[in-house]
Amino acid sequence: MKTLYVSRTAPNPRKALILLASKGFDIDDMDDLEIVDIDIAKKEHMTDAFTKLNPMQTLPVMTLDDGTVLNDSQAICEYLDRVYGERSVMGNDVVQRARVCAMRRTAEFEVLYNFMLAFQHSHPSKADRVEQFPEFAKVSVDRAIKALPYFEDALEGRDYLVTDQMTFADIVFYLGLDFGKVLKVNPSNHGTNIARFYERMNERFSINKMPKAKAESDN
């Protein structure tokens, strides 16, 4: 049995959950994949048992049937994309895969990671994980906002960033926008195309719409 360890609210684990949901899978009802919820607030990712599994203490983590451990969200999503479902959200041919990769990296490094850096340097919950420089939080938010016009232009006259169907680039960009709200950056205020895109993605994949962690009595 393959096992996927996640937090259902953190951006990187949500990449994997949204990828599977976009392909029509009920993540809590898969024959060969078990979802294990890790409570970050309770620091379950810092326990000895989890640290033995992933010394980096990060999520998501996936263990395969042969004992292989994957502890990187991109690697996990590449694996899930190839194993589950017919249509690839990474791209269906070599050119499309390259275009999706390019757009995904831009969304990740310019938007999502800058918002994540801002959170790390400003939120009390991260004080025991990183040496915080609060002034860096504003710099990181400003960097993310500066990149948004690029995506506003990319979405002109289309529903998705790369093709006429949702790709992994759209998932990553949506998660960047969604995480920006934690830092009081409203995606609706940064262009009509971005606002339209965010509303469409959020209707399907918001934290409130996605499956919740099972209660202990259901496990």
C-alpha atoms as a PDB file:
ATOM      1  CA  MET A   1       0.000   0.000   0.000  1.00  0.00           C
ATOM      2  CA  LYS A   2       1.351   3.390  -0.973  1.00  0.00           C
ATOM      3  CA  THR A   3       1.007   6.094   1.680  1.00  0.00           C
ATOM      4  CA  LEU A   4       0.782   9.867   1.256  1.00  0.00           C
ATOM      5  CA  TYR A   5       1.421  12.015   4.324  1.00  0.00           C
ATOM      6  CA  VAL A   6      -0.186  15.457   4.083  1.00  0.00           C
ATOM      7  CA  SER A   7      -1.547  18.505   5.764  1.00  0.00           C
ATOM      8  CA  ARG A   8      -4.756  19.572   4.026  1.00  0.00           C
ATOM      9  CA  THR A   9      -4.146  23.274   4.579  1.00  0.00           C
ATOM     10  CA  ALA A  10      -0.450  23.735   3.690  1.00  0.00           C
ATOM     11  CA  PRO A  11       0.336  24.695   0.059  1.00  0.00           C
ATOM     12  CA  ASN A  12       2.867  22.007  -0.863  1.00  0.00           C
ATOM     13  CA  PRO A  13       0.754  19.034   0.310  1.00  0.00           C
ATOM     14  CA  ARG A  14      -2.281  20.582  -1.362  1.00  0.00           C
ATOM     15  CA  LYS A  15      -0.498  20.311  -4.715  1.00  0.00           C
ATOM     16  CA  ALA A  16      -0.778  16.524  -4.537  1.00  0.00           C
ATOM     17  CA  LEU A  17      -4.328  16.528  -3.182  1.00  0.00           C
ATOM     18  CA  ILE A  18      -5.590  18.927  -5.853  1.00  0.00           C
ATOM     19  CA  LEU A  19      -3.788  17.015  -8.597  1.00  0.00           C
ATOM     20  CA  LEU A  20      -5.595  13.816  -7.657  1.00  0.00           C
ATOM     21  CA  ALA A  21      -8.937  15.614  -7.206  1.00  0.00           C
ATOM     22  CA  SER A  22      -8.558  17.262 -10.631  1.00  0.00           C
ATOM     23  CA  LYS A  23      -8.340  13.780 -12.146  1.00  0.00           C
ATOM     24  CA  GLY A  24     -11.562  12.739 -10.447  1.00  0.00           C
ATOM     25  CA  PHE A  25     -10.134  10.697  -7.588  1.00  0.00           C
ATOM     26  CA  ASP A  26     -11.660  10.655  -4.113  1.00  0.00           C
ATOM     27  CA  ILE A  27      -8.447  10.910  -2.135  1.00  0.00           C
ATOM     28  CA  ASP A  28     -10.011   9.214   0.875  1.00  0.00           C
ATOM     29  CA  ASP A  29     -11.325   6.259  -1.105  1.00  0.00           C
ATOM     30  CA  MET A  30      -8.459   4.905  -3.194  1.00  0.00           C
ATOM     31  CA  ASP A  31      -7.698   1.193  -3.278  1.00  0.00           C
ATOM     32  CA  ASP A  32      -3.913   1.490  -3.307  1.00  0.00           C
ATOM     33  CA  LEU A  33      -3.179   4.847  -1.692  1.00  0.00           C
ATOM     34  CA  GLU A  34      -3.641   5.680   1.972  1.00  0.00           C
ATOM     35  CA  ILE A  35      -3.806   9.308   3.068  1.00  0.00           C
ATOM     36  CA  VAL A  36      -2.299  10.071   6.470  1.00  0.00           C
ATOM     37  CA  ASP A  37      -3.052  13.490   7.938  1.00  0.00           C
ATOM     38  CA  ILE A  38      -0.226  15.161   9.841  1.00  0.00           C
ATOM     39  CA  ASP A  39      -1.210  17.978  12.207  1.00  0.00           C
ATOM     40  CA  ILE A  40       1.353  20.739  11.734  1.00  0.00           C
ATOM     41  CA  ALA A  41      -0.142  22.832  14.535  1.00  0.00           C
ATOM     42  CA  LYS A  42       0.562  19.978  16.942  1.00  0.00           C
ATOM     43  CA  LYS A  43       4.065  19.607  15.426  1.00  0.00           C
ATOM     44  CA  GLU A  44       3.426  16.020  14.408  1.00  0.00           C
ATOM     45  CA  HIS A  45       5.882  16.564  11.548  1.00  0.00           C
ATOM     46  CA  MET A  46       8.630  17.114  14.153  1.00  0.00           C
ATOM     47  CA  THR A  47       8.149  13.882  16.080  1.00  0.00           C
ATOM     48  CA  ASP A  48      10.900  11.270  16.168  1.00  0.00           C
ATOM     49  CA  ALA A  49       8.802   8.854  14.129  1.00  0.00           C
ATOM     50  CA  PHE A  50       8.129  11.353  11.337  1.00  0.00           C
ATOM     51  CA  THR A  51      11.695  12.659  11.380  1.00  0.00           C
ATOM     52  CA  LYS A  52      12.905   9.103  10.843  1.00  0.00           C
ATOM     53  CA  LEU A  53      10.653   8.946   7.781  1.00  0.00           C
ATOM     54  CA  ASN A  54      11.649  12.402   6.520  1.00  0.00           C
ATOM     55  CA  PRO A  55      14.623  14.066   8.229  1.00  0.00           C
ATOM     56  CA  MET A  56      13.645  17.361   6.553  1.00  0.00           C
ATOM     57  CA  GLN A  57      10.389  17.360   8.584  1.00  0.00           C
ATOM     58  CA  THR A  58       8.457  18.667   5.576  1.00  0.00           C
ATOM     59  CA  LEU A  59       5.217  17.678   3.862  1.00  0.00           C
ATOM     60  CA  PRO A  60       4.135  16.018   1.667  1.00  0.00           C
ATOM     61  CA  VAL A  61       5.916  12.682   1.963  1.00  0.00           C
ATOM     62  CA  MET A  62       5.051   9.545   0.030  1.00  0.00           C
ATOM     63  CA  THR A  63       6.141   5.968   0.607  1.00  0.00           C
ATOM     64  CA  LEU A  64       5.890   3.447  -2.208  1.00  0.00           C
ATOM     65  CA  ASP A  65       5.285  -0.301  -2.093  1.00  0.00           C
ATOM     66  CA  ASP A  66       8.981  -1.056  -2.443  1.00  0.00           C
ATOM     67  CA  GLY A  67       9.941   1.200   0.476  1.00  0.00           C
ATOM     68  CA  THR A  68      10.980   4.200  -1.622  1.00  0.00           C
ATOM     69  CA  VAL A  69      10.402   7.493   0.199  1.00  0.00           C
ATOM     70  CA  LEU A  70       9.642  10.661  -1.778  1.00  0.00           C
ATOM     71  CA  ASN A  71       9.855  13.881   0.237  1.00  0.00           C
ATOM     72  CA  ASP A  72       9.516  16.550  -2.454  1.00  0.00           C
ATOM     73  CA  SER A  73       6.157  17.864  -3.664  1.00  0.00           C
ATOM     74  CA  GLN A  74       7.222  18.095  -7.301  1.00  0.00           C
ATOM     75  CA  ALA A  75       8.566  14.527  -7.325  1.00  0.00           C
ATOM     76  CA  ILE A  76       5.411  13.253  -5.651  1.00  0.00           C
ATOM     77  CA  CYS A  77       3.159  15.058  -8.109  1.00  0.00           C
ATOM     78  CA  GLU A  78       5.176  13.774 -11.079  1.00  0.00           C
ATOM     79  CA  TYR A  79       4.718  10.245  -9.736  1.00  0.00           C
ATOM     80  CA  LEU A  80       0.996  10.662  -9.058  1.00  0.00           C
ATOM     81  CA  ASP A  81       0.416  12.193 -12.470  1.00  0.00           C
ATOM     82  CA  ARG A  82       1.987   9.256 -14.268  1.00  0.00           C
ATOM     83  CA  VAL A  83       0.340   6.547 -12.155  1.00  0.00           C
ATOM     84  CA  TYR A  84      -3.230   7.846 -11.763  1.00  0.00           C
ATOM     85  CA  GLY A  85      -5.630   8.841 -14.517  1.00  0.00           C
ATOM     86  CA  GLU A  86      -5.225   9.049 -18.273  1.00  0.00           C
ATOM     87  CA  ARG A  87      -4.799  12.775 -18.971  1.00  0.00           C
ATOM     88  CA  SER A  88      -1.529  14.211 -17.732  1.00  0.00           C
ATOM     89  CA  VAL A  89      -1.717  17.560 -15.960  1.00  0.00           C
ATOM     90  CA  MET A  90       2.036  17.868 -16.546  1.00  0.00           C
ATOM     91  CA  GLY A  91       1.522  17.940 -20.311  1.00  0.00           C
ATOM     92  CA  ASN A  92       0.588  15.422 -22.983  1.00  0.00           C
ATOM     93  CA  ASP A  93       3.595  15.819 -25.280  1.00  0.00           C
ATOM     94  CA  VAL A  94       7.168  17.000 -24.959  1.00  0.00           C
ATOM     95  CA  VAL A  95       6.454  20.615 -25.996  1.00  0.00           C
ATOM     96  CA  GLN A  96       3.404  20.889 -23.753  1.00  0.00           C
ATOM     97  CA  ARG A  97       5.323  19.428 -20.820  1.00  0.00           C
ATOM     98  CA  ALA A  98       8.072  21.993 -21.345  1.00  0.00           C
ATOM     99  CA  ARG A  99       5.564  24.862 -21.448  1.00  0.00           C
ATOM    100  CA  VAL A 100       3.781  23.618 -18.325  1.00  0.00           C
ATOM    101  CA  CYS A 101       7.121  23.227 -16.544  1.00  0.00           C
ATOM    102  CA  ALA A 102       8.186  26.767 -17.443  1.00  0.00           C
ATOM    103  CA  MET A 103       4.915  28.310 -16.291  1.00  0.00           C
ATOM    104  CA  ARG A 104       4.834  26.182 -13.153  1.00  0.00           C
ATOM    105  CA  ARG A 105       8.332  27.247 -12.150  1.00  0.00           C
ATOM    106  CA  THR A 106       7.469  30.912 -12.665  1.00  0.00           C
ATOM    107  CA  ALA A 107       4.320  30.565 -10.577  1.00  0.00           C
ATOM    108  CA  GLU A 108       6.179  28.658  -7.891  1.00  0.00           C
ATOM    109  CA  PHE A 109       9.284  30.780  -7.504  1.00  0.00           C
ATOM    110  CA  GLU A 110       7.813  34.205  -8.204  1.00  0.00           C
ATOM    111  CA  VAL A 111       4.447  33.903  -6.424  1.00  0.00           C
ATOM    112  CA  LEU A 112       3.986  30.879  -4.164  1.00  0.00           C
ATOM    113  CA  TYR A 113       7.470  30.744  -2.636  1.00  0.00           C
ATOM    114  CA  ASN A 114       7.638  34.478  -2.056  1.00  0.00           C
ATOM    115  CA  PHE A 115       4.373  34.340  -0.139  1.00  0.00           C
ATOM    116  CA  MET A 116       5.666  31.323   1.777  1.00  0.00           C
ATOM    117  CA  LEU A 117       8.869  33.198   2.631  1.00  0.00           C
ATOM    118  CA  ALA A 118       6.830  36.151   3.841  1.00  0.00           C
ATOM    119  CA  PHE A 119       4.818  33.816   6.067  1.00  0.00           C
ATOM    120  CA  GLN A 120       7.946  32.156   7.448  1.00  0.00           C
ATOM    121  CA  HIS A 121       9.440  35.502   8.403  1.00  0.00           C
ATOM    122  CA  SER A 122       6.300  36.991   9.929  1.00  0.00           C
ATOM    123  CA  HIS A 123       4.161  34.287  11.552  1.00  0.00           C
ATOM    124  CA  PRO A 124       4.749  33.272  15.193  1.00  0.00           C
ATOM    125  CA  SER A 125       4.273  29.585  14.357  1.00  0.00           C
ATOM    126  CA  LYS A 126       7.490  29.640  12.321  1.00  0.00           C
ATOM    127  CA  ALA A 127       9.668  31.278  14.970  1.00  0.00           C
ATOM    128  CA  ASP A 128      11.050  27.939  16.153  1.00  0.00           C
ATOM    129  CA  ARG A 129      11.827  26.807  12.594  1.00  0.00           C
ATOM    130  CA  VAL A 130      13.665  29.764  11.046  1.00  0.00           C
ATOM    131  CA  GLU A 131      15.541  32.847  12.154  1.00  0.00           C
ATOM    132  CA  GLN A 132      12.935  35.467  11.330  1.00  0.00           C
ATOM    133  CA  PHE A 133      13.607  38.838   9.734  1.00  0.00           C
ATOM    134  CA  PRO A 134      10.217  40.590   9.734  1.00  0.00           C
ATOM    135  CA  GLU A 135      11.370  43.234   7.267  1.00  0.00           C
ATOM    136  CA  PHE A 136      11.949  40.461   4.717  1.00  0.00           C
ATOM    137  CA  ALA A 137       8.244  39.581   4.815  1.00  0.00           C
ATOM    138  CA  LYS A 138       7.219  42.825   3.096  1.00  0.00           C
ATOM    139  CA  VAL A 139       9.987  42.460   0.524  1.00  0.00           C
ATOM    140  CA  SER A 140       8.765  38.963  -0.338  1.00  0.00           C
ATOM    141  CA  VAL A 141       5.128  40.037  -0.625  1.00  0.00           C
ATOM    142  CA  ASP A 142       6.134  42.907  -2.898  1.00  0.00           C
ATOM    143  CA  ARG A 143       8.094  40.503  -5.113  1.00  0.00           C
ATOM    144  CA  ALA A 144       5.071  38.245  -5.491  1.00  0.00           C
ATOM    145  CA  ILE A 145       2.766  41.135  -6.313  1.00  0.00           C
ATOM    146  CA  LYS A 146       5.250  42.448  -8.872  1.00  0.00           C
ATOM    147  CA  ALA A 147       4.997  39.127 -10.755  1.00  0.00           C
ATOM    148  CA  LEU A 148       1.193  39.068 -10.967  1.00  0.00           C
ATOM    149  CA  PRO A 149       0.834  41.207 -14.145  1.00  0.00           C
ATOM    150  CA  TYR A 150       2.698  38.461 -16.035  1.00  0.00           C
ATOM    151  CA  PHE A 151      -0.066  36.002 -15.159  1.00  0.00           C
ATOM    152  CA  GLU A 152      -2.792  38.555 -15.793  1.00  0.00           C
ATOM    153  CA  ASP A 153      -1.472  38.844 -19.362  1.00  0.00           C
ATOM    154  CA  ALA A 154      -1.074  35.065 -19.728  1.00  0.00           C
ATOM    155  CA  LEU A 155      -4.754  34.577 -18.824  1.00  0.00           C
ATOM    156  CA  GLU A 156      -6.051  37.135 -21.307  1.00  0.00           C
ATOM    157  CA  GLY A 157      -8.808  35.505 -23.366  1.00  0.00           C
ATOM    158  CA  ARG A 158      -8.314  32.067 -21.827  1.00  0.00           C
ATOM    159  CA  ASP A 159      -9.377  30.070 -18.792  1.00  0.00           C
ATOM    160  CA  TYR A 160      -6.021  28.495 -17.985  1.00  0.00           C
ATOM    161  CA  LEU A 161      -2.379  29.506 -18.168  1.00  0.00           C
ATOM    162  CA  VAL A 162      -0.952  27.089 -20.751  1.00  0.00           C
ATOM    163  CA  THR A 163      -3.615  25.060 -22.568  1.00  0.00           C
ATOM    164  CA  ASP A 164      -7.399  24.948 -22.802  1.00  0.00           C
ATOM    165  CA  GLN A 165      -7.362  22.438 -19.942  1.00  0.00           C
ATOM    166  CA  MET A 166      -6.119  22.767 -16.390  1.00  0.00           C
ATOM    167  CA  THR A 167      -2.467  21.868 -15.900  1.00  0.00           C
ATOM    168  CA  PHE A 168      -0.123  21.635 -12.951  1.00  0.00           C
ATOM    169  CA  ALA A 169       0.925  25.232 -13.602  1.00  0.00           C
ATOM    170  CA  ASP A 170      -2.646  26.314 -12.826  1.00  0.00           C
ATOM    171  CA  ILE A 171      -2.639  24.313  -9.588  1.00  0.00           C
ATOM    172  CA  VAL A 172       0.585  25.941  -8.400  1.00  0.00           C
ATOM    173  CA  PHE A 173      -0.512  29.451  -9.378  1.00  0.00           C
ATOM    174  CA  TYR A 174      -3.873  28.977  -7.669  1.00  0.00           C
ATOM    175  CA  LEU A 175      -2.129  27.838  -4.482  1.00  0.00           C
ATOM    176  CA  GLY A 176       0.103  30.895  -4.629  1.00  0.00           C
ATOM    177  CA  LEU A 177      -2.902  33.194  -4.896  1.00  0.00           C
ATOM    178  CA  ASP A 178      -4.726  31.326  -2.166  1.00  0.00           C
ATOM    179  CA  PHE A 179      -1.778  31.483   0.214  1.00  0.00           C
ATOM    180  CA  GLY A 180      -1.390  35.172  -0.528  1.00  0.00           C
ATOM    181  CA  LYS A 181      -4.747  35.740   1.134  1.00  0.00           C
ATOM    182  CA  VAL A 182      -3.146  34.711   4.444  1.00  0.00           C
ATOM    183  CA  LEU A 183      -0.896  37.743   3.958  1.00  0.00           C
ATOM    184  CA  LYS A 184      -3.891  39.954   3.070  1.00  0.00           C
ATOM    185  CA  VAL A 185      -3.202  39.961  -0.665  1.00  0.00           C
ATOM    186  CA  ASN A 186      -6.601  39.662  -2.325  1.00  0.00           C
ATOM    187  CA  PRO A 187      -6.373  37.964  -5.749  1.00  0.00           C
ATOM    188  CA  SER A 188      -9.477  39.826  -6.856  1.00  0.00           C
ATOM    189  CA  ASN A 189      -7.560  43.105  -6.665  1.00  0.00           C
ATOM    190  CA  HIS A 190      -4.860  42.221  -9.177  1.00  0.00           C
ATOM    191  CA  GLY A 191      -6.608  42.052 -12.508  1.00  0.00           C
ATOM    192  CA  THR A 192      -9.899  40.813 -13.898  1.00  0.00           C
ATOM    193  CA  ASN A 193      -8.307  37.739 -15.485  1.00  0.00           C
ATOM    194  CA  ILE A 194      -6.618  36.674 -12.253  1.00  0.00           C
ATOM    195  CA  ALA A 195      -9.835  37.295 -10.317  1.00  0.00           C
ATOM    196  CA  ARG A 196     -11.800  35.142 -12.778  1.00  0.00           C
ATOM    197  CA  PHE A 197      -9.171  32.401 -12.699  1.00  0.00           C
ATOM    198  CA  TYR A 198      -9.018  32.348  -8.904  1.00  0.00           C
ATOM    199  CA  GLU A 199     -12.797  32.182  -8.546  1.00  0.00           C
ATOM    200  CA  ARG A 200     -13.006  29.224 -10.933  1.00  0.00           C
ATOM    201  CA  MET A 201     -10.224  27.273  -9.249  1.00  0.00           C
ATOM    202  CA  ASN A 202     -11.402  28.112  -5.755  1.00  0.00           C
ATOM    203  CA  GLU A 203     -14.897  26.889  -6.554  1.00  0.00           C
ATOM    204  CA  ARG A 204     -13.440  23.413  -7.101  1.00  0.00           C
ATOM    205  CA  PHE A 205     -10.414  23.236  -4.856  1.00  0.00           C
ATOM    206  CA  SER A 206     -10.800  25.546  -1.874  1.00  0.00           C
ATOM    207  CA  ILE A 207      -9.893  24.118   1.515  1.00  0.00           C
ATOM    208  CA  ASN A 208     -13.592  24.180   2.405  1.00  0.00           C
ATOM    209  CA  LYS A 209     -14.599  22.263  -0.737  1.00  0.00           C
ATOM    210  CA  MET A 210     -11.895  19.600  -0.621  1.00  0.00           C
ATOM    211  CA  PRO A 211     -12.290  16.496   1.575  1.00  0.00           C
ATOM    212  CA  LYS A 212     -11.460  17.021   5.229  1.00  0.00           C
ATOM    213  CA  ALA A 213      -9.285  14.803   7.328  1.00  0.00           C
ATOM    214  CA  LYS A 214     -11.227  11.842   8.645  1.00  0.00           C
ATOM    215  CA  ALA A 215     -12.255  11.852  12.261  1.00  0.00           C
ATOM    216  CA  GLU A 216     -10.339   9.394  14.408  1.00  0.00           C
ATOM    217  CA  SER A 217     -13.460   7.312  14.875  1.00  0.00           C
ATOM    218  CA  ASP A 218     -13.620   6.851  11.086  1.00  0.00           C
ATOM    219  CA  ASN A 219     -10.025   5.727  10.670  1.00  0.00           C
END
